[in-house]
Amino acid sequence: MKTVQISLNSIDKVKSFVNDITKFDYDFDLVSGRYVIDAKSIMGIFSLDLSKPIDLNIHAEDDVDVILATLDPYIIK
């Protein structure tokens, strides 16, 4: 499992993030405080506080580099 911090501070970013992440067959969790939601759930994402960075847990053994490259626009460096 790999964890990165992402920023989803606009509606357009959330929509494009969900479109990008659903291309992969792995599980992704977003963690904000004590809440853990499925990163592929657009309704779940909107239930989080999007003004702060969110932790993304990537449950993948392979293709991690491809996933990170796809999610690069959202990752906080």
C-alpha atoms as a PDB file:
ATOM      1  CA  MET A   1       0.000   0.000   0.000  1.00  0.00           C
ATOM      2  CA  LYS A   2       1.184   3.509  -0.833  1.00  0.00           C
ATOM      3  CA  THR A   3      -0.120   6.732   0.715  1.00  0.00           C
ATOM      4  CA  VAL A   4       0.074  10.182  -0.867  1.00  0.00           C
ATOM      5  CA  GLN A   5      -1.487  13.527  -0.018  1.00  0.00           C
ATOM      6  CA  ILE A   6      -3.823  15.017  -2.598  1.00  0.00           C
ATOM      7  CA  SER A   7      -5.774  18.220  -3.030  1.00  0.00           C
ATOM      8  CA  LEU A   8      -9.300  18.237  -4.480  1.00  0.00           C
ATOM      9  CA  ASN A   9     -10.224  21.881  -3.989  1.00  0.00           C
ATOM     10  CA  SER A  10     -12.739  22.300  -6.827  1.00  0.00           C
ATOM     11  CA  ILE A  11     -15.726  20.446  -8.271  1.00  0.00           C
ATOM     12  CA  ASP A  12     -13.965  19.988 -11.619  1.00  0.00           C
ATOM     13  CA  LYS A  13     -10.926  18.481  -9.872  1.00  0.00           C
ATOM     14  CA  VAL A  14     -13.133  16.003  -8.013  1.00  0.00           C
ATOM     15  CA  LYS A  15     -14.908  14.925 -11.214  1.00  0.00           C
ATOM     16  CA  SER A  16     -11.677  14.453 -13.173  1.00  0.00           C
ATOM     17  CA  PHE A  17     -10.060  12.663 -10.181  1.00  0.00           C
ATOM     18  CA  VAL A  18     -12.913  10.129  -9.999  1.00  0.00           C
ATOM     19  CA  ASN A  19     -12.771   9.621 -13.788  1.00  0.00           C
ATOM     20  CA  ASP A  20      -9.005   8.997 -13.616  1.00  0.00           C
ATOM     21  CA  ILE A  21      -9.113   6.678 -10.614  1.00  0.00           C
ATOM     22  CA  THR A  22     -11.960   4.477 -11.899  1.00  0.00           C
ATOM     23  CA  LYS A  23      -9.699   3.375 -14.787  1.00  0.00           C
ATOM     24  CA  PHE A  24      -7.812   1.186 -12.293  1.00  0.00           C
ATOM     25  CA  ASP A  25      -9.073  -2.092 -10.788  1.00  0.00           C
ATOM     26  CA  TYR A  26      -7.452  -1.449  -7.424  1.00  0.00           C
ATOM     27  CA  ASP A  27      -8.991  -0.166  -4.204  1.00  0.00           C
ATOM     28  CA  PHE A  28      -8.391   3.452  -3.211  1.00  0.00           C
ATOM     29  CA  ASP A  29      -9.352   5.024   0.130  1.00  0.00           C
ATOM     30  CA  LEU A  30      -9.477   8.701   1.021  1.00  0.00           C
ATOM     31  CA  VAL A  31      -8.705   9.463   4.667  1.00  0.00           C
ATOM     32  CA  SER A  32      -9.666  12.784   6.222  1.00  0.00           C
ATOM     33  CA  GLY A  33      -9.446  12.847  10.007  1.00  0.00           C
ATOM     34  CA  ARG A  34     -11.410   9.843  11.250  1.00  0.00           C
ATOM     35  CA  TYR A  35     -13.359   9.394   8.017  1.00  0.00           C
ATOM     36  CA  VAL A  36     -12.356   6.785   5.431  1.00  0.00           C
ATOM     37  CA  ILE A  37     -14.290   6.701   2.173  1.00  0.00           C
ATOM     38  CA  ASP A  38     -14.004   4.926  -1.174  1.00  0.00           C
ATOM     39  CA  ALA A  39     -12.063   7.238  -3.505  1.00  0.00           C
ATOM     40  CA  LYS A  40     -14.217   6.103  -6.444  1.00  0.00           C
ATOM     41  CA  SER A  41     -17.367   7.486  -4.772  1.00  0.00           C
ATOM     42  CA  ILE A  42     -18.026  11.040  -5.923  1.00  0.00           C
ATOM     43  CA  MET A  43     -20.742  11.475  -3.258  1.00  0.00           C
ATOM     44  CA  GLY A  44     -18.346  10.227  -0.584  1.00  0.00           C
ATOM     45  CA  ILE A  45     -15.671  12.713  -1.656  1.00  0.00           C
ATOM     46  CA  PHE A  46     -18.116  15.614  -1.392  1.00  0.00           C
ATOM     47  CA  SER A  47     -18.847  14.568   2.215  1.00  0.00           C
ATOM     48  CA  LEU A  48     -15.229  15.376   3.162  1.00  0.00           C
ATOM     49  CA  ASP A  49     -13.672  18.743   4.009  1.00  0.00           C
ATOM     50  CA  LEU A  50     -12.051  19.508   0.651  1.00  0.00           C
ATOM     51  CA  SER A  51     -10.339  22.684   1.858  1.00  0.00           C
ATOM     52  CA  LYS A  52      -7.593  20.560   3.473  1.00  0.00           C
ATOM     53  CA  PRO A  53      -5.205  18.012   1.970  1.00  0.00           C
ATOM     54  CA  ILE A  54      -6.557  14.448   1.980  1.00  0.00           C
ATOM     55  CA  ASP A  55      -4.575  11.213   2.326  1.00  0.00           C
ATOM     56  CA  LEU A  56      -5.053   8.751  -0.535  1.00  0.00           C
ATOM     57  CA  ASN A  57      -4.300   5.095   0.256  1.00  0.00           C
ATOM     58  CA  ILE A  58      -3.498   3.130  -2.889  1.00  0.00           C
ATOM     59  CA  HIS A  59      -4.025  -0.615  -2.389  1.00  0.00           C
ATOM     60  CA  ALA A  60      -1.973  -1.817  -5.354  1.00  0.00           C
ATOM     61  CA  GLU A  61       1.003  -4.121  -5.613  1.00  0.00           C
ATOM     62  CA  ASP A  62       1.765  -3.486  -9.286  1.00  0.00           C
ATOM     63  CA  ASP A  63       1.351  -0.446 -11.521  1.00  0.00           C
ATOM     64  CA  VAL A  64       1.998   1.992  -8.649  1.00  0.00           C
ATOM     65  CA  ASP A  65       4.189   4.149 -10.908  1.00  0.00           C
ATOM     66  CA  VAL A  66       1.449   4.296 -13.562  1.00  0.00           C
ATOM     67  CA  ILE A  67      -1.145   5.215 -10.940  1.00  0.00           C
ATOM     68  CA  LEU A  68       1.066   7.953  -9.480  1.00  0.00           C
ATOM     69  CA  ALA A  69       1.740   9.361 -12.952  1.00  0.00           C
ATOM     70  CA  THR A  70      -1.997   9.490 -13.672  1.00  0.00           C
ATOM     71  CA  LEU A  71      -2.738  11.147 -10.332  1.00  0.00           C
ATOM     72  CA  ASP A  72       0.152  13.617 -10.530  1.00  0.00           C
ATOM     73  CA  PRO A  73      -2.090  16.717 -11.031  1.00  0.00           C
ATOM     74  CA  TYR A  74      -3.762  16.066  -7.656  1.00  0.00           C
ATOM     75  CA  ILE A  75      -0.720  15.070  -5.578  1.00  0.00           C
ATOM     76  CA  ILE A  76       0.713  17.639  -3.185  1.00  0.00           C
ATOM     77  CA  LYS A  77       4.500  17.727  -3.538  1.00  0.00           C
END
